[in-house]
Amino acid sequence: MRRLVGRPRPRPARPRPRLRAGVLHLVRAAPGDDLRRRRTARRTRRPARLPHADRRRRLADRRTHPLLRHHRRLAARPQDFPDFAGHVRRIQALGLSYLLWHAIPFAGDRSAAAKRLEGHTLTHLPLLETFLLDPRSATVRAHQVERLAAAVEQHGVDGLKVDFVDTFAREPAPGVAPDTVPGAASPEADCATVAEGVQKLLAELDARLRATRPDVLVEHRQDYTGPGLWPYATMVRAADCPHSAVENRVRTADLRLTAGPLAVHADPLTWHPQESPEQIAVLLQSVLFATAQVSVDLAAQDADQLTALAFWLSVMKEHRDLLQRSELRPHRPELAYPVIEARDGARLAFGRYAPLPLWARGEWELLLVANADQDTLVRIEFDRAPGTVDLLVQDCLGGTVARAQTPVGGTELSVRVPTGGLLTLRR
């Protein structure tokens, strides 16, 4: 699918971002960029997003992040966390779950694990300054399981984000069998393929974690979402797509169709400090059928920004079963899903992302329309006249724009719904 790139605007001055646990990069956009996808390599000084298939090459080409260079010696620094377990308990007391991030395939060049596991690696990644471990080695699996499980057993965290699992896959040399591992391999490999080793590693980690915490939370990321990995995770997250409402919508919809029993999480949402409430609402509407993740400083938001955020999170919570656990029908994939439909019995919900009519088929008692498009005239077609309906139109802040009992004697209904707003029909 071709990307339409708009003309870049002047870049605003960027204040130094606050460091956030588990966030590798924080890119700030100008107001309005979330809807119009006007991020370019010139403006952000980062290459444009590559196709999904090029992820490994993109990973290898980017500048090394210190977390990878030192990975496998990650520990809470006493000067920052003199009582890390106590810190975790205080976060949990707020009603939140605490997950720690781990890049499971790597042993950074400057870590003690790199020396301890020497000879049990698949290759060295010089640009990332890290070794790629061989999961077929029992020594590697025992080491990784011990380190990752310690976060749950010693510090009481609720789970782990297990990242970069897909990086274990290495392309064989030309003419070599597909299952053959290129380069070096551990002398104690106890299975033929790396895929089998990964399965053993994740199974051993899962058994260890559930022995301590049966309800452990484990997040995987888009790219490694096949059925063989479902038993070892509880949720899966969309791959990175910062400031792109369209890409976040497409990725979460794709995951809803392929993630089986796993909960689907969106890529964390960020926006410019001066972003309008309407566009914040549109960002949330773009991930309406997944679990939204918000990565902004809430204390820096103004009253309207917080109101828009609170309103749409409340909609997601109130209608969670309909939006996230029901039958999902993303329409027109070749157009990046301009309409997404969810149905749970007599309850029906639409995400409207383009000026297209909606078709409400069959019987319904509740119909929701989230309008994320600039066109405010929402048109709905029915296969039979719905009769009198209770109509409620709300703006992006949740304020009432219109409320009425409306007779609908025909099979079409047109209603003005503000951008970022919500239409609710009840019978």
Protein backbone atom coordinates (compact mmCIF):
# COMPACT_ATOMS: atom_id res chain seq x y z
CA MET A 1 0.00 0.00 0.00
CA ARG A 2 1.44 3.38 -0.99
CA ARG A 3 1.85 6.02 1.66
CA LEU A 4 0.68 9.55 1.03
CA VAL A 5 3.11 11.98 2.59
CA GLY A 6 2.08 15.57 3.08
CA ARG A 7 4.27 18.62 2.83
CA PRO A 8 6.36 18.94 6.00
CA ARG A 9 5.62 21.80 8.36
CA PRO A 10 8.25 23.73 10.31
CA ARG A 11 9.41 21.68 13.26
CA PRO A 12 8.49 23.11 16.66
CA ALA A 13 11.12 23.39 19.34
CA ARG A 14 11.26 20.06 21.14
CA PRO A 15 11.75 20.09 24.89
CA ARG A 16 13.85 17.31 26.29
CA PRO A 17 11.48 14.38 26.87
CA ARG A 18 11.16 12.74 30.24
CA LEU A 19 12.60 9.27 30.47
CA ARG A 20 9.95 6.58 30.74
CA ALA A 21 10.51 2.98 31.74
CA GLY A 22 10.21 0.63 28.77
CA VAL A 23 10.09 3.41 26.13
CA LEU A 24 13.07 3.43 23.80
CA HIS A 25 12.19 6.50 21.74
CA LEU A 26 9.86 9.47 22.16
CA VAL A 27 9.08 11.49 19.03
CA ARG A 28 7.03 14.66 19.26
CA ALA A 29 4.73 15.70 16.43
CA ALA A 30 3.21 19.02 15.53
CA PRO A 31 -0.51 19.64 16.18
CA GLY A 32 -2.66 17.87 13.61
CA ASP A 33 -0.11 15.30 12.50
CA ASP A 34 -1.96 12.36 14.07
CA LEU A 35 -4.85 12.62 11.62
CA ARG A 36 -2.99 13.58 8.50
CA ARG A 37 0.05 11.30 8.71
CA ARG A 38 2.52 14.04 7.79
CA ARG A 39 5.60 12.56 9.35
CA THR A 40 8.61 12.59 6.97
CA ALA A 41 12.24 11.57 7.26
CA ARG A 42 13.33 15.18 6.85
CA ARG A 43 11.12 16.47 9.63
CA THR A 44 11.75 13.77 12.20
CA ARG A 45 15.31 12.92 11.18
CA ARG A 46 14.29 9.28 11.16
CA PRO A 47 13.75 7.08 8.11
CA ALA A 48 10.19 6.65 6.95
CA ARG A 49 8.49 3.53 8.29
CA LEU A 50 9.56 0.51 6.28
CA PRO A 51 7.20 -2.25 5.18
CA HIS A 52 6.45 -4.84 7.82
CA ALA A 53 8.62 -7.47 6.09
CA ASP A 54 11.73 -5.28 6.46
CA ARG A 55 11.59 -5.11 10.26
CA ARG A 56 14.72 -7.18 10.86
CA ARG A 57 16.77 -5.11 8.44
CA ARG A 58 15.47 -1.92 10.07
CA LEU A 59 16.38 -3.32 13.49
CA ALA A 60 19.92 -4.11 12.37
CA ASP A 61 20.45 -0.73 10.71
CA ARG A 62 19.33 1.57 13.52
CA ARG A 63 21.74 3.03 16.02
CA THR A 64 22.40 0.90 19.06
CA HIS A 65 20.35 1.67 22.11
CA PRO A 66 22.13 1.36 25.46
CA LEU A 67 19.52 -1.11 26.69
CA LEU A 68 20.67 -3.55 24.02
CA ARG A 69 24.38 -2.88 24.48
CA HIS A 70 24.16 -3.68 28.19
CA HIS A 71 21.27 -6.12 28.02
CA ARG A 72 21.29 -9.10 30.37
CA ARG A 73 22.82 -7.09 33.18
CA LEU A 74 19.69 -5.01 33.69
CA ALA A 75 19.03 -4.44 37.38
CA ALA A 76 17.41 -1.80 39.54
CA ARG A 77 20.06 0.77 40.46
CA PRO A 78 20.12 1.26 44.24
CA GLN A 79 20.45 5.03 43.88
CA ASP A 80 17.23 5.11 41.81
CA PHE A 81 15.31 2.25 43.42
CA PRO A 82 16.65 1.54 46.91
CA ASP A 83 13.60 -0.70 47.43
CA PHE A 84 12.43 -1.83 44.00
CA ALA A 85 9.95 -4.39 45.37
CA GLY A 86 8.43 -1.65 47.51
CA HIS A 87 8.20 0.59 44.45
CA VAL A 88 6.35 -2.17 42.60
CA ARG A 89 3.91 -2.61 45.51
CA ARG A 90 3.16 1.14 45.55
CA ILE A 91 2.31 1.08 41.83
CA GLN A 92 0.12 -1.98 42.30
CA ALA A 93 -1.68 -0.22 45.18
CA LEU A 94 -2.87 2.32 42.61
CA GLY A 95 -4.78 -0.46 40.85
CA LEU A 96 -2.17 -0.95 38.11
CA SER A 97 -0.30 -4.04 36.93
CA TYR A 98 3.48 -3.84 36.59
CA LEU A 99 5.32 -5.48 33.67
CA LEU A 100 9.06 -5.36 32.99
CA TRP A 101 10.53 -5.32 29.49
CA HIS A 102 13.10 -7.92 28.39
CA ALA A 103 14.78 -8.51 25.02
CA ILE A 104 14.98 -12.28 25.34
CA PRO A 105 17.35 -13.14 22.43
CA PHE A 106 20.21 -10.82 23.35
CA ALA A 107 23.36 -10.76 25.49
CA GLY A 108 24.89 -7.30 25.14
CA ASP A 109 28.60 -6.96 24.41
CA ARG A 110 29.22 -5.21 27.74
CA SER A 111 27.20 -7.61 29.87
CA ALA A 112 28.55 -10.39 32.04
CA ALA A 113 26.19 -12.78 30.27
CA ALA A 114 28.09 -12.32 27.00
CA LYS A 115 31.19 -13.93 28.56
CA ARG A 116 29.23 -16.55 30.48
CA LEU A 117 27.34 -17.68 27.36
CA GLU A 118 30.26 -17.45 24.93
CA GLY A 119 30.04 -20.28 22.44
CA HIS A 120 26.27 -20.57 22.80
CA THR A 121 25.31 -17.89 20.28
CA LEU A 122 23.90 -17.87 16.77
CA THR A 123 25.70 -14.74 15.63
CA HIS A 124 27.01 -11.36 16.67
CA LEU A 125 25.12 -8.21 15.68
CA PRO A 126 27.85 -5.54 15.57
CA LEU A 127 25.54 -2.62 14.87
CA LEU A 128 23.50 -3.51 17.94
CA GLU A 129 26.59 -4.43 19.97
CA THR A 130 24.94 -7.62 21.14
CA PHE A 131 25.09 -11.38 20.68
CA LEU A 132 22.10 -13.36 19.47
CA LEU A 133 21.78 -16.36 21.77
CA ASP A 134 21.11 -19.92 20.61
CA PRO A 135 17.84 -21.09 22.23
CA ARG A 136 18.67 -24.73 21.44
CA SER A 137 21.25 -24.61 24.24
CA ALA A 138 20.01 -25.81 27.62
CA THR A 139 22.54 -23.44 29.24
CA VAL A 140 21.07 -20.47 27.40
CA ARG A 141 17.50 -21.45 28.26
CA ALA A 142 18.30 -21.96 31.93
CA HIS A 143 20.09 -18.59 32.11
CA GLN A 144 17.30 -16.69 30.38
CA VAL A 145 14.54 -18.31 32.39
CA GLU A 146 16.38 -17.59 35.65
CA ARG A 147 16.91 -13.92 34.81
CA LEU A 148 13.40 -13.25 33.53
CA ALA A 149 11.65 -15.21 36.28
CA ALA A 150 13.59 -13.28 38.94
CA ALA A 151 11.59 -10.15 38.13
CA VAL A 152 8.39 -11.95 39.14
CA GLU A 153 9.77 -14.05 41.97
CA GLN A 154 11.97 -11.47 43.68
CA HIS A 155 10.33 -8.15 42.88
CA GLY A 156 6.68 -9.18 42.66
CA VAL A 157 5.94 -7.70 39.23
CA ASP A 158 2.80 -8.92 37.52
CA GLY A 159 4.47 -10.07 34.35
CA LEU A 160 6.87 -9.45 31.49
CA LYS A 161 7.00 -7.90 28.09
CA VAL A 162 9.04 -10.47 26.16
CA ASP A 163 10.43 -8.64 23.14
CA PHE A 164 12.32 -9.38 19.92
CA VAL A 165 11.37 -13.08 19.80
CA ASP A 166 11.24 -12.84 15.99
CA THR A 167 14.93 -11.84 15.92
CA PHE A 168 15.87 -15.48 16.59
CA ALA A 169 14.94 -16.15 12.94
CA ARG A 170 18.01 -15.91 10.73
CA GLU A 171 18.01 -16.26 6.96
CA PRO A 172 20.11 -19.22 5.74
CA ALA A 173 22.77 -18.82 3.08
CA PRO A 174 21.73 -19.30 -0.58
CA GLY A 175 21.29 -22.97 -1.42
CA VAL A 176 21.05 -24.04 2.22
CA ALA A 177 17.96 -25.79 3.60
CA PRO A 178 15.45 -23.34 5.16
CA ASP A 179 15.68 -24.89 8.64
CA THR A 180 19.47 -24.76 8.70
CA VAL A 181 20.95 -22.19 11.07
CA PRO A 182 23.61 -19.97 9.47
CA GLY A 183 26.92 -19.41 11.21
CA ALA A 184 27.88 -20.68 14.64
CA ALA A 185 25.73 -22.77 16.94
CA SER A 186 25.93 -24.00 20.49
CA PRO A 187 27.80 -27.32 20.88
CA GLU A 188 25.10 -28.52 23.28
CA ALA A 189 22.14 -27.85 20.98
CA ASP A 190 19.48 -30.41 21.90
CA CYS A 191 17.09 -29.86 18.97
CA ALA A 192 17.51 -29.49 15.23
CA THR A 193 16.01 -26.08 14.55
CA VAL A 194 16.02 -22.70 16.22
CA ALA A 195 12.22 -22.68 16.06
CA GLU A 196 12.16 -25.77 18.30
CA GLY A 197 14.62 -24.09 20.64
CA VAL A 198 12.44 -20.98 20.88
CA GLN A 199 9.42 -23.16 21.67
CA LYS A 200 11.37 -24.90 24.45
CA LEU A 201 12.61 -21.58 25.85
CA LEU A 202 9.14 -20.04 25.99
CA ALA A 203 7.60 -23.22 27.40
CA GLU A 204 10.20 -23.44 30.18
CA LEU A 205 9.76 -19.74 30.99
CA ASP A 206 5.96 -20.11 31.03
CA ALA A 207 6.12 -23.08 33.42
CA ARG A 208 8.49 -21.23 35.77
CA LEU A 209 6.41 -18.05 35.81
CA ARG A 210 3.09 -19.81 36.37
CA ALA A 211 4.54 -21.82 39.24
CA THR A 212 5.02 -18.50 41.06
CA ARG A 213 2.08 -16.53 39.67
CA PRO A 214 -0.63 -18.55 37.86
CA ASP A 215 -2.21 -15.33 36.55
CA VAL A 216 1.08 -13.94 35.19
CA LEU A 217 0.81 -11.39 32.37
CA VAL A 218 3.07 -11.84 29.33
CA GLU A 219 3.07 -9.51 26.33
CA HIS A 220 4.37 -10.38 22.88
CA ARG A 221 4.69 -7.96 19.98
CA GLN A 222 3.36 -8.01 16.43
CA ASP A 223 5.65 -10.04 14.12
CA TYR A 224 5.62 -13.08 16.40
CA THR A 225 1.91 -13.80 16.78
CA GLY A 226 1.42 -17.27 15.32
CA PRO A 227 -0.72 -19.96 16.94
CA GLY A 228 2.38 -21.76 18.21
CA LEU A 229 3.10 -18.82 20.52
CA TRP A 230 -0.42 -18.31 21.87
CA PRO A 231 0.08 -20.61 24.92
CA TYR A 232 3.01 -18.49 26.14
CA ALA A 233 1.40 -15.04 26.17
CA THR A 234 -1.71 -13.32 27.46
CA MET A 235 -1.59 -10.24 25.23
CA VAL A 236 -0.01 -9.03 22.00
CA ARG A 237 0.89 -5.47 21.09
CA ALA A 238 0.88 -3.71 17.74
CA ALA A 239 4.31 -2.97 16.32
CA ASP A 240 5.68 0.56 16.64
CA CYS A 241 3.73 3.15 14.63
CA PRO A 242 4.16 6.46 16.50
CA HIS A 243 1.74 9.27 15.65
CA SER A 244 -0.10 7.27 12.98
CA ALA A 245 -3.78 6.79 13.69
CA VAL A 246 -4.15 4.92 10.39
CA GLU A 247 -1.35 2.44 10.98
CA ASN A 248 -2.42 1.82 14.56
CA ARG A 249 -5.94 1.09 13.34
CA VAL A 250 -4.71 -1.33 10.66
CA ARG A 251 -2.28 -3.13 12.95
CA THR A 252 -4.77 -3.62 15.76
CA ALA A 253 -7.45 -4.80 13.34
CA ASP A 254 -5.02 -7.26 11.78
CA LEU A 255 -4.13 -8.55 15.23
CA ARG A 256 -7.77 -8.94 16.22
CA LEU A 257 -8.15 -11.25 13.21
CA THR A 258 -5.01 -13.30 13.91
CA ALA A 259 -4.27 -13.21 17.65
CA GLY A 260 -6.60 -16.02 18.68
CA PRO A 261 -7.31 -15.90 22.45
CA LEU A 262 -4.84 -13.11 23.20
CA ALA A 263 -5.86 -9.61 24.23
CA VAL A 264 -4.82 -7.06 21.59
CA HIS A 265 -3.07 -3.87 22.70
CA ALA A 266 -2.46 -0.83 20.51
CA ASP A 267 0.87 0.90 20.08
CA PRO A 268 1.10 3.53 22.84
CA LEU A 269 -0.57 6.81 21.91
CA THR A 270 1.33 10.09 22.15
CA TRP A 271 0.46 13.57 20.98
CA HIS A 272 1.76 17.12 20.93
CA PRO A 273 1.21 19.08 24.17
CA GLN A 274 -1.02 21.51 22.25
CA GLU A 275 -3.01 18.86 20.37
CA SER A 276 -6.73 19.53 20.02
CA PRO A 277 -9.23 17.41 21.97
CA GLU A 278 -10.82 16.37 18.65
CA GLN A 279 -7.63 14.81 17.38
CA ILE A 280 -6.91 13.15 20.70
CA ALA A 281 -10.37 11.59 20.40
CA VAL A 282 -9.59 10.47 16.86
CA LEU A 283 -6.40 8.78 18.09
CA LEU A 284 -8.43 6.86 20.65
CA GLN A 285 -11.12 6.02 18.08
CA SER A 286 -8.41 4.57 15.83
CA VAL A 287 -7.80 1.83 18.43
CA LEU A 288 -11.41 1.53 19.57
CA PHE A 289 -11.46 -2.23 19.01
CA ALA A 290 -8.29 -2.92 21.02
CA THR A 291 -6.88 -1.95 24.40
CA ALA A 292 -5.60 1.61 24.20
CA GLN A 293 -2.24 2.48 25.72
CA VAL A 294 -1.58 6.14 26.54
CA SER A 295 1.99 7.44 26.87
CA VAL A 296 1.72 11.14 27.66
CA ASP A 297 2.35 13.15 30.80
CA LEU A 298 -1.17 13.44 32.21
CA ALA A 299 -0.11 16.30 34.48
CA ALA A 300 0.81 18.34 31.39
CA GLN A 301 -2.62 17.99 29.72
CA ASP A 302 -5.17 20.79 29.84
CA ALA A 303 -8.74 20.27 31.05
CA ASP A 304 -10.24 19.60 27.60
CA GLN A 305 -7.50 17.15 26.65
CA LEU A 306 -8.08 15.19 29.84
CA THR A 307 -11.85 15.30 29.35
CA ALA A 308 -11.59 13.88 25.83
CA LEU A 309 -9.25 11.15 27.08
CA ALA A 310 -11.49 10.28 30.02
CA PHE A 311 -14.63 10.21 27.87
CA TRP A 312 -13.31 7.78 25.28
CA LEU A 313 -11.65 5.55 27.86
CA SER A 314 -15.02 5.37 29.62
CA VAL A 315 -16.71 4.38 26.35
CA MET A 316 -14.13 1.64 25.84
CA LYS A 317 -14.65 0.38 29.37
CA GLU A 318 -18.46 0.48 29.29
CA HIS A 319 -18.68 -1.38 25.97
CA ARG A 320 -15.58 -3.57 26.35
CA ASP A 321 -17.33 -6.85 25.54
CA LEU A 322 -18.82 -5.41 22.37
CA LEU A 323 -15.67 -3.64 21.21
CA GLN A 324 -13.02 -6.21 22.11
CA ARG A 325 -14.63 -9.62 22.62
CA SER A 326 -17.23 -9.86 19.89
CA GLU A 327 -17.31 -10.69 16.20
CA LEU A 328 -15.13 -8.20 14.32
CA ARG A 329 -15.54 -7.23 10.67
CA PRO A 330 -12.92 -4.76 9.37
CA HIS A 331 -14.14 -3.67 5.93
CA ARG A 332 -12.08 -2.90 2.80
CA PRO A 333 -8.53 -3.89 3.84
CA GLU A 334 -7.17 -2.51 0.56
CA LEU A 335 -8.26 0.94 1.83
CA ALA A 336 -6.80 0.50 5.33
CA TYR A 337 -10.12 -0.47 6.94
CA PRO A 338 -12.12 2.76 6.50
CA VAL A 339 -15.00 1.11 8.40
CA ILE A 340 -14.70 -1.41 11.23
CA GLU A 341 -17.78 -3.19 12.58
CA ALA A 342 -18.25 -5.21 15.75
CA ARG A 343 -21.36 -7.20 16.67
CA ASP A 344 -22.35 -8.94 19.86
CA GLY A 345 -25.89 -10.30 19.51
CA ALA A 346 -28.22 -7.29 19.30
CA ARG A 347 -25.41 -4.79 19.97
CA LEU A 348 -23.61 -3.20 17.05
CA ALA A 349 -20.66 -0.77 16.87
CA PHE A 350 -18.97 1.02 13.98
CA GLY A 351 -15.68 2.87 13.72
CA ARG A 352 -16.09 5.34 10.83
CA TYR A 353 -12.74 6.53 9.47
CA ALA A 354 -13.80 7.77 6.02
CA PRO A 355 -16.90 9.50 4.55
CA LEU A 356 -18.67 6.24 3.78
CA PRO A 357 -22.21 5.05 4.55
CA LEU A 358 -22.67 2.39 7.21
CA TRP A 359 -24.87 -0.68 6.78
CA ALA A 360 -26.61 -1.92 9.92
CA ARG A 361 -27.72 -5.40 9.05
CA GLY A 362 -30.15 -7.55 10.98
CA GLU A 363 -31.81 -6.87 14.31
CA TRP A 364 -30.19 -4.57 16.83
CA GLU A 365 -31.03 -2.88 20.10
CA LEU A 366 -27.90 -0.75 20.55
CA LEU A 367 -25.92 0.89 17.74
CA LEU A 368 -22.76 2.93 18.31
CA VAL A 369 -20.92 5.01 15.71
CA ALA A 370 -17.54 6.57 16.50
CA ASN A 371 -16.93 9.25 13.87
CA ALA A 372 -13.19 9.73 13.30
CA ASP A 373 -13.61 11.47 9.93
CA GLN A 374 -13.74 15.18 9.13
CA ASP A 375 -17.06 14.60 7.34
CA THR A 376 -19.71 15.01 10.03
CA LEU A 377 -22.71 13.69 8.07
CA VAL A 378 -23.04 10.08 9.19
CA ARG A 379 -25.33 8.01 6.97
CA ILE A 380 -26.68 4.66 8.11
CA GLU A 381 -28.58 2.19 5.92
CA PHE A 382 -30.85 -0.47 7.45
CA ASP A 383 -32.27 -3.60 5.85
CA ARG A 384 -35.62 -2.75 7.46
CA ALA A 385 -37.12 0.38 8.99
CA PRO A 386 -36.04 0.54 12.66
CA GLY A 387 -39.07 2.56 13.82
CA THR A 388 -38.67 5.00 16.72
CA VAL A 389 -35.15 5.19 18.16
CA ASP A 390 -33.59 7.03 21.09
CA LEU A 391 -30.84 9.15 19.57
CA LEU A 392 -27.87 10.67 21.41
CA VAL A 393 -25.05 12.64 19.76
CA GLN A 394 -21.99 13.50 21.87
CA ASP A 395 -18.93 15.54 20.96
CA CYS A 396 -15.31 14.57 21.62
CA LEU A 397 -15.62 15.67 25.24
CA GLY A 398 -18.75 13.63 25.87
CA GLY A 399 -20.97 16.71 25.88
CA THR A 400 -24.50 16.30 24.54
CA VAL A 401 -24.99 17.77 21.07
CA ALA A 402 -28.43 16.31 20.39
CA ARG A 403 -30.85 14.02 22.20
CA ALA A 404 -34.24 12.97 20.82
CA GLN A 405 -36.73 10.22 20.16
CA THR A 406 -36.66 10.00 16.39
CA PRO A 407 -39.08 8.04 14.17
CA VAL A 408 -37.21 6.33 11.34
CA GLY A 409 -39.83 5.09 8.92
CA GLY A 410 -37.45 4.36 6.06
CA THR A 411 -34.25 2.38 5.68
CA GLU A 412 -31.86 5.35 5.85
CA LEU A 413 -30.86 7.77 8.60
CA SER A 414 -28.47 10.75 8.35
CA VAL A 415 -27.16 12.42 11.51
CA ARG A 416 -24.56 15.13 12.10
CA VAL A 417 -21.86 13.75 14.41
CA PRO A 418 -18.82 15.93 15.22
CA THR A 419 -15.35 14.67 14.43
CA GLY A 420 -14.20 12.69 17.42
CA GLY A 421 -17.80 12.32 18.55
CA LEU A 422 -20.13 9.42 19.28
CA LEU A 423 -23.61 8.55 18.01
CA THR A 424 -25.71 6.19 20.15
CA LEU A 425 -28.99 4.72 18.91
CA ARG A 426 -31.22 2.55 21.10
CA ARG A 427 -34.45 0.69 20.25
